[in-house]
């Protein structure tokens, strides 16, 4: 995530966006525990009171940062799915590669998007749910398309297949983020293995 020109953003009256983007940077630097509204206000150079005009508490801010992550990932996935020059198989391949790349390059934000801090504790707000749920629903629709094209198992329940695909990618990401699997030089090979498991086996 690119650094924000904080003074410019503030003078343009876009303090909320500056808070969210700078908060995302701080999470990448020091994790979720390293972020507070007080520290965020100090980083940007505004009063702590100013932050409460946009976020009632830290959880409210975390939901907004997670939503930003979903917006960025949705933009990436949409670009893949909407590229008419790519075959169905290549779209699946790009989806796999880009998902793992996005997650590993934005590890702290990814953990916030899919981790227990928000979801297990039922701390999500409606604005986040309105962005997060369609992101998976779009993957579900693409799964149905890939099934219709004969790339994925046609007689399997689409929802379950989308969940298993996502679960596979999420599992690989967790191994990398948690440091269980440290050799990132093999990420491309792992992605290709996913493609072969889900697509090439279907062709046999």
C-alpha atoms as a PDB file:
ATOM      1  CA  UNK A   1       0.000   0.000   0.000  1.00  0.00           C
ATOM      2  CA  UNK A   2       1.471   3.305  -1.072  1.00  0.00           C
ATOM      3  CA  UNK A   3       2.264   5.934   1.586  1.00  0.00           C
ATOM      4  CA  UNK A   4      -0.255   8.718   1.858  1.00  0.00           C
ATOM      5  CA  UNK A   5       0.676  12.371   1.484  1.00  0.00           C
ATOM      6  CA  UNK A   6      -0.938  13.160   4.795  1.00  0.00           C
ATOM      7  CA  UNK A   7      -0.857  16.976   4.623  1.00  0.00           C
ATOM      8  CA  UNK A   8      -2.327  16.998   1.126  1.00  0.00           C
ATOM      9  CA  UNK A   9      -5.052  14.533   2.060  1.00  0.00           C
ATOM     10  CA  UNK A  10      -5.920  16.524   5.166  1.00  0.00           C
ATOM     11  CA  UNK A  11      -5.985  19.919   3.470  1.00  0.00           C
ATOM     12  CA  UNK A  12      -8.299  18.486   0.830  1.00  0.00           C
ATOM     13  CA  UNK A  13     -10.729  17.540   3.563  1.00  0.00           C
ATOM     14  CA  UNK A  14     -10.239  13.807   3.032  1.00  0.00           C
ATOM     15  CA  UNK A  15      -9.135  13.031   6.570  1.00  0.00           C
ATOM     16  CA  UNK A  16     -11.096   9.769   6.771  1.00  0.00           C
ATOM     17  CA  UNK A  17      -9.281   8.251   3.799  1.00  0.00           C
ATOM     18  CA  UNK A  18      -5.970   9.409   5.225  1.00  0.00           C
ATOM     19  CA  UNK A  19      -6.794   7.770   8.564  1.00  0.00           C
ATOM     20  CA  UNK A  20      -7.703   4.480   6.912  1.00  0.00           C
ATOM     21  CA  UNK A  21      -4.677   4.324   4.604  1.00  0.00           C
ATOM     22  CA  UNK A  22      -2.229   5.422   7.290  1.00  0.00           C
ATOM     23  CA  UNK A  23      -3.806   2.972   9.723  1.00  0.00           C
ATOM     24  CA  UNK A  24      -3.214   0.219   7.155  1.00  0.00           C
ATOM     25  CA  UNK A  25       0.449   1.246   6.918  1.00  0.00           C
ATOM     26  CA  UNK A  26       0.792   1.146  10.707  1.00  0.00           C
ATOM     27  CA  UNK A  27      -0.706  -2.349  10.864  1.00  0.00           C
ATOM     28  CA  UNK A  28       1.786  -3.548   8.264  1.00  0.00           C
ATOM     29  CA  UNK A  29       4.587  -2.019  10.335  1.00  0.00           C
ATOM     30  CA  UNK A  30       3.615  -3.144  13.842  1.00  0.00           C
ATOM     31  CA  UNK A  31       0.562  -5.392  13.612  1.00  0.00           C
ATOM     32  CA  UNK A  32      -2.963  -4.795  14.848  1.00  0.00           C
ATOM     33  CA  UNK A  33      -1.805  -4.338  18.448  1.00  0.00           C
ATOM     34  CA  UNK A  34       0.491  -1.539  17.345  1.00  0.00           C
ATOM     35  CA  UNK A  35      -2.405   0.588  16.117  1.00  0.00           C
ATOM     36  CA  UNK A  36      -4.464   2.957  18.230  1.00  0.00           C
ATOM     37  CA  UNK A  37      -6.486   6.055  17.447  1.00  0.00           C
ATOM     38  CA  UNK A  38      -4.042   8.089  19.547  1.00  0.00           C
ATOM     39  CA  UNK A  39      -0.985   6.829  17.659  1.00  0.00           C
ATOM     40  CA  UNK A  40      -2.781   7.292  14.360  1.00  0.00           C
ATOM     41  CA  UNK A  41      -3.653  10.890  15.178  1.00  0.00           C
ATOM     42  CA  UNK A  42      -0.039  11.572  16.125  1.00  0.00           C
ATOM     43  CA  UNK A  43       1.242  10.012  12.888  1.00  0.00           C
ATOM     44  CA  UNK A  44      -1.014  12.195  10.748  1.00  0.00           C
ATOM     45  CA  UNK A  45      -0.646  15.300  12.874  1.00  0.00           C
ATOM     46  CA  UNK A  46      -4.239  15.878  13.972  1.00  0.00           C
ATOM     47  CA  UNK A  47      -5.922  15.847  17.365  1.00  0.00           C
ATOM     48  CA  UNK A  48      -7.261  12.566  18.729  1.00  0.00           C
ATOM     49  CA  UNK A  49     -10.669  14.214  18.834  1.00  0.00           C
ATOM     50  CA  UNK A  50     -10.528  14.603  15.052  1.00  0.00           C
ATOM     51  CA  UNK A  51     -10.237  10.845  14.619  1.00  0.00           C
ATOM     52  CA  UNK A  52     -13.418  10.288  16.644  1.00  0.00           C
ATOM     53  CA  UNK A  53     -15.339  12.379  14.144  1.00  0.00           C
ATOM     54  CA  UNK A  54     -14.835   9.480  11.716  1.00  0.00           C
ATOM     55  CA  UNK A  55     -14.408   6.376  13.902  1.00  0.00           C
ATOM     56  CA  UNK A  56     -16.110   5.760  17.222  1.00  0.00           C
ATOM     57  CA  UNK A  57     -13.435   3.285  18.374  1.00  0.00           C
ATOM     58  CA  UNK A  58     -10.536   1.126  17.201  1.00  0.00           C
ATOM     59  CA  UNK A  59     -12.809  -1.664  15.961  1.00  0.00           C
ATOM     60  CA  UNK A  60     -14.641   0.810  13.741  1.00  0.00           C
ATOM     61  CA  UNK A  61     -11.282   1.794  12.246  1.00  0.00           C
ATOM     62  CA  UNK A  62     -10.196  -1.832  11.814  1.00  0.00           C
ATOM     63  CA  UNK A  63     -13.382  -2.604   9.886  1.00  0.00           C
ATOM     64  CA  UNK A  64     -12.651   0.307   7.558  1.00  0.00           C
ATOM     65  CA  UNK A  65      -9.077  -0.914   7.000  1.00  0.00           C
ATOM     66  CA  UNK A  66     -10.318  -4.440   6.287  1.00  0.00           C
ATOM     67  CA  UNK A  67     -12.848  -2.976   3.851  1.00  0.00           C
ATOM     68  CA  UNK A  68      -9.997  -1.175   2.082  1.00  0.00           C
ATOM     69  CA  UNK A  69      -8.235  -4.523   1.700  1.00  0.00           C
ATOM     70  CA  UNK A  70     -11.359  -6.079   0.166  1.00  0.00           C
ATOM     71  CA  UNK A  71     -11.713  -3.134  -2.212  1.00  0.00           C
ATOM     72  CA  UNK A  72      -8.120  -3.586  -3.378  1.00  0.00           C
ATOM     73  CA  UNK A  73      -8.485  -7.358  -3.802  1.00  0.00           C
ATOM     74  CA  UNK A  74     -11.819  -6.966  -5.608  1.00  0.00           C
ATOM     75  CA  UNK A  75     -10.173  -4.553  -8.038  1.00  0.00           C
ATOM     76  CA  UNK A  76      -7.484  -7.157  -8.783  1.00  0.00           C
ATOM     77  CA  UNK A  77      -9.920 -10.046  -9.195  1.00  0.00           C
ATOM     78  CA  UNK A  78     -12.302  -7.994 -11.328  1.00  0.00           C
ATOM     79  CA  UNK A  79      -9.442  -7.140 -13.685  1.00  0.00           C
ATOM     80  CA  UNK A  80      -8.782 -10.862 -14.104  1.00  0.00           C
ATOM     81  CA  UNK A  81     -12.393 -11.937 -14.562  1.00  0.00           C
ATOM     82  CA  UNK A  82     -13.207  -9.077 -16.941  1.00  0.00           C
ATOM     83  CA  UNK A  83     -10.211  -9.657 -19.230  1.00  0.00           C
ATOM     84  CA  UNK A  84     -11.829 -11.125 -22.340  1.00  0.00           C
ATOM     85  CA  UNK A  85      -8.444 -11.937 -23.848  1.00  0.00           C
ATOM     86  CA  UNK A  86      -7.787 -14.570 -21.161  1.00  0.00           C
ATOM     87  CA  UNK A  87      -9.118 -18.111 -21.476  1.00  0.00           C
ATOM     88  CA  UNK A  88     -11.116 -19.571 -18.626  1.00  0.00           C
ATOM     89  CA  UNK A  89      -8.128 -21.646 -17.545  1.00  0.00           C
ATOM     90  CA  UNK A  90      -5.817 -18.644 -17.611  1.00  0.00           C
ATOM     91  CA  UNK A  91      -8.289 -16.629 -15.542  1.00  0.00           C
ATOM     92  CA  UNK A  92      -8.264 -19.389 -12.934  1.00  0.00           C
ATOM     93  CA  UNK A  93      -4.465 -19.488 -13.011  1.00  0.00           C
ATOM     94  CA  UNK A  94      -4.208 -15.719 -12.630  1.00  0.00           C
ATOM     95  CA  UNK A  95      -6.766 -15.796  -9.805  1.00  0.00           C
ATOM     96  CA  UNK A  96      -4.703 -18.350  -7.884  1.00  0.00           C
ATOM     97  CA  UNK A  97      -1.396 -16.526  -8.388  1.00  0.00           C
ATOM     98  CA  UNK A  98      -2.783 -13.078  -7.634  1.00  0.00           C
ATOM     99  CA  UNK A  99      -4.650 -14.218  -4.523  1.00  0.00           C
ATOM    100  CA  UNK A 100      -1.541 -15.652  -2.909  1.00  0.00           C
ATOM    101  CA  UNK A 101       0.596 -12.713  -4.047  1.00  0.00           C
ATOM    102  CA  UNK A 102      -1.846 -10.151  -2.661  1.00  0.00           C
ATOM    103  CA  UNK A 103      -2.147 -11.993   0.647  1.00  0.00           C
ATOM    104  CA  UNK A 104       1.567 -12.469   1.217  1.00  0.00           C
ATOM    105  CA  UNK A 105       2.473  -8.920   0.181  1.00  0.00           C
ATOM    106  CA  UNK A 106      -0.200  -7.476   2.490  1.00  0.00           C
ATOM    107  CA  UNK A 107       0.003 -10.048   5.272  1.00  0.00           C
ATOM    108  CA  UNK A 108      -1.228  -7.930   8.185  1.00  0.00           C
ATOM    109  CA  UNK A 109      -4.142  -6.516   6.216  1.00  0.00           C
ATOM    110  CA  UNK A 110      -5.011 -10.002   4.975  1.00  0.00           C
ATOM    111  CA  UNK A 111      -5.101 -11.284   8.553  1.00  0.00           C
ATOM    112  CA  UNK A 112      -7.462  -8.462   9.413  1.00  0.00           C
ATOM    113  CA  UNK A 113      -9.665  -9.224   6.387  1.00  0.00           C
ATOM    114  CA  UNK A 114     -10.053 -12.908   7.244  1.00  0.00           C
ATOM    115  CA  UNK A 115      -8.899 -13.272  10.848  1.00  0.00           C
ATOM    116  CA  UNK A 116     -10.519 -13.681  14.234  1.00  0.00           C
ATOM    117  CA  UNK A 117     -10.045 -10.054  15.319  1.00  0.00           C
ATOM    118  CA  UNK A 118     -13.162  -9.056  13.404  1.00  0.00           C
ATOM    119  CA  UNK A 119     -15.019 -12.194  12.331  1.00  0.00           C
ATOM    120  CA  UNK A 120     -14.670 -14.650  15.209  1.00  0.00           C
ATOM    121  CA  UNK A 121     -15.543 -11.965  17.725  1.00  0.00           C
ATOM    122  CA  UNK A 122     -18.479 -10.843  15.572  1.00  0.00           C
ATOM    123  CA  UNK A 123     -17.071  -7.324  15.348  1.00  0.00           C
ATOM    124  CA  UNK A 124     -17.806  -6.688  11.676  1.00  0.00           C
ATOM    125  CA  UNK A 125     -19.972  -3.703  10.805  1.00  0.00           C
ATOM    126  CA  UNK A 126     -22.494  -3.479   7.988  1.00  0.00           C
ATOM    127  CA  UNK A 127     -20.209  -1.405   5.765  1.00  0.00           C
ATOM    128  CA  UNK A 128     -17.554  -4.134   5.896  1.00  0.00           C
ATOM    129  CA  UNK A 129     -20.062  -6.931   5.288  1.00  0.00           C
ATOM    130  CA  UNK A 130     -21.437  -5.052   2.290  1.00  0.00           C
ATOM    131  CA  UNK A 131     -17.973  -5.206   0.715  1.00  0.00           C
ATOM    132  CA  UNK A 132     -16.670  -8.550   1.994  1.00  0.00           C
ATOM    133  CA  UNK A 133     -19.632 -10.796   1.136  1.00  0.00           C
ATOM    134  CA  UNK A 134     -19.908  -9.736  -2.533  1.00  0.00           C
ATOM    135  CA  UNK A 135     -16.201 -10.461  -2.899  1.00  0.00           C
ATOM    136  CA  UNK A 136     -16.805 -14.155  -2.178  1.00  0.00           C
ATOM    137  CA  UNK A 137     -20.084 -14.185  -4.113  1.00  0.00           C
ATOM    138  CA  UNK A 138     -18.171 -13.011  -7.182  1.00  0.00           C
ATOM    139  CA  UNK A 139     -15.778 -15.941  -6.770  1.00  0.00           C
ATOM    140  CA  UNK A 140     -18.807 -18.231  -6.483  1.00  0.00           C
ATOM    141  CA  UNK A 141     -20.191 -16.918  -9.777  1.00  0.00           C
ATOM    142  CA  UNK A 142     -16.825 -17.456 -11.448  1.00  0.00           C
ATOM    143  CA  UNK A 143     -16.729 -20.982 -10.046  1.00  0.00           C
ATOM    144  CA  UNK A 144     -20.066 -21.666 -11.712  1.00  0.00           C
ATOM    145  CA  UNK A 145     -18.687 -20.289 -14.979  1.00  0.00           C
ATOM    146  CA  UNK A 146     -15.573 -22.463 -14.750  1.00  0.00           C
ATOM    147  CA  UNK A 147     -17.836 -25.467 -14.127  1.00  0.00           C
ATOM    148  CA  UNK A 148     -19.941 -24.637 -17.179  1.00  0.00           C
ATOM    149  CA  UNK A 149     -16.739 -24.405 -19.226  1.00  0.00           C
ATOM    150  CA  UNK A 150     -15.737 -27.869 -18.019  1.00  0.00           C
ATOM    151  CA  UNK A 151     -12.661 -26.585 -16.204  1.00  0.00           C
ATOM    152  CA  UNK A 152     -13.880 -27.484 -12.719  1.00  0.00           C
ATOM    153  CA  UNK A 153     -15.922 -30.501 -11.635  1.00  0.00           C
ATOM    154  CA  UNK A 154     -19.340 -29.912 -13.179  1.00  0.00           C
ATOM    155  CA  UNK A 155     -21.455 -32.134 -10.919  1.00  0.00           C
ATOM    156  CA  UNK A 156     -20.054 -30.721  -7.662  1.00  0.00           C
ATOM    157  CA  UNK A 157     -22.011 -28.214  -5.579  1.00  0.00           C
ATOM    158  CA  UNK A 158     -20.751 -24.784  -6.698  1.00  0.00           C
ATOM    159  CA  UNK A 159     -20.780 -23.260  -3.238  1.00  0.00           C
ATOM    160  CA  UNK A 160     -18.831 -26.134  -1.722  1.00  0.00           C
ATOM    161  CA  UNK A 161     -16.353 -26.100  -4.602  1.00  0.00           C
ATOM    162  CA  UNK A 162     -15.796 -22.352  -4.202  1.00  0.00           C
ATOM    163  CA  UNK A 163     -15.297 -22.835  -0.459  1.00  0.00           C
ATOM    164  CA  UNK A 164     -12.783 -25.649  -0.992  1.00  0.00           C
ATOM    165  CA  UNK A 165     -10.886 -23.613  -3.590  1.00  0.00           C
ATOM    166  CA  UNK A 166     -10.752 -20.637  -1.267  1.00  0.00           C
ATOM    167  CA  UNK A 167      -9.819 -22.878   1.663  1.00  0.00           C
ATOM    168  CA  UNK A 168      -6.913 -24.316  -0.315  1.00  0.00           C
ATOM    169  CA  UNK A 169      -5.559 -20.880  -1.168  1.00  0.00           C
ATOM    170  CA  UNK A 170      -6.122 -19.615   2.365  1.00  0.00           C
ATOM    171  CA  UNK A 171      -4.262 -22.616   3.773  1.00  0.00           C
ATOM    172  CA  UNK A 172      -1.229 -21.946   1.578  1.00  0.00           C
ATOM    173  CA  UNK A 173      -1.301 -18.283   2.567  1.00  0.00           C
ATOM    174  CA  UNK A 174      -1.426 -19.163   6.270  1.00  0.00           C
ATOM    175  CA  UNK A 175       1.585 -21.478   5.919  1.00  0.00           C
ATOM    176  CA  UNK A 176       3.524 -18.603   4.364  1.00  0.00           C
ATOM    177  CA  UNK A 177       2.332 -15.814   6.665  1.00  0.00           C
ATOM    178  CA  UNK A 178       2.815 -17.870   9.832  1.00  0.00           C
ATOM    179  CA  UNK A 179       6.347 -18.789   8.804  1.00  0.00           C
ATOM    180  CA  UNK A 180       5.631 -22.516   8.743  1.00  0.00           C
ATOM    181  CA  UNK A 181       6.728 -22.611   5.126  1.00  0.00           C
ATOM    182  CA  UNK A 182       9.509 -20.086   4.621  1.00  0.00           C
ATOM    183  CA  UNK A 183      10.737 -20.902   1.136  1.00  0.00           C
ATOM    184  CA  UNK A 184       8.818 -18.288  -0.857  1.00  0.00           C
ATOM    185  CA  UNK A 185      10.837 -19.118  -3.970  1.00  0.00           C
ATOM    186  CA  UNK A 186       8.445 -22.021  -4.550  1.00  0.00           C
ATOM    187  CA  UNK A 187       5.241 -19.953  -4.487  1.00  0.00           C
ATOM    188  CA  UNK A 188       4.808 -20.072  -8.269  1.00  0.00           C
ATOM    189  CA  UNK A 189       5.242 -23.839  -8.261  1.00  0.00           C
ATOM    190  CA  UNK A 190       2.663 -24.147  -5.471  1.00  0.00           C
ATOM    191  CA  UNK A 191       0.213 -22.023  -7.453  1.00  0.00           C
ATOM    192  CA  UNK A 192       0.680 -24.178 -10.533  1.00  0.00           C
ATOM    193  CA  UNK A 193       0.093 -27.265  -8.407  1.00  0.00           C
ATOM    194  CA  UNK A 194      -3.250 -25.790  -7.301  1.00  0.00           C
ATOM    195  CA  UNK A 195      -4.200 -25.224 -10.939  1.00  0.00           C
ATOM    196  CA  UNK A 196      -3.308 -28.801 -11.842  1.00  0.00           C
ATOM    197  CA  UNK A 197      -5.220 -30.238  -8.892  1.00  0.00           C
ATOM    198  CA  UNK A 198      -8.430 -28.344  -9.651  1.00  0.00           C
ATOM    199  CA  UNK A 199      -8.329 -28.096 -13.456  1.00  0.00           C
ATOM    200  CA  UNK A 200      -5.980 -30.578 -15.055  1.00  0.00           C
ATOM    201  CA  UNK A 201      -7.271 -33.516 -13.037  1.00  0.00           C
ATOM    202  CA  UNK A 202     -10.748 -32.677 -14.347  1.00  0.00           C
ATOM    203  CA  UNK A 203      -9.425 -33.091 -17.902  1.00  0.00           C
ATOM    204  CA  UNK A 204      -8.250 -36.647 -17.356  1.00  0.00           C
END
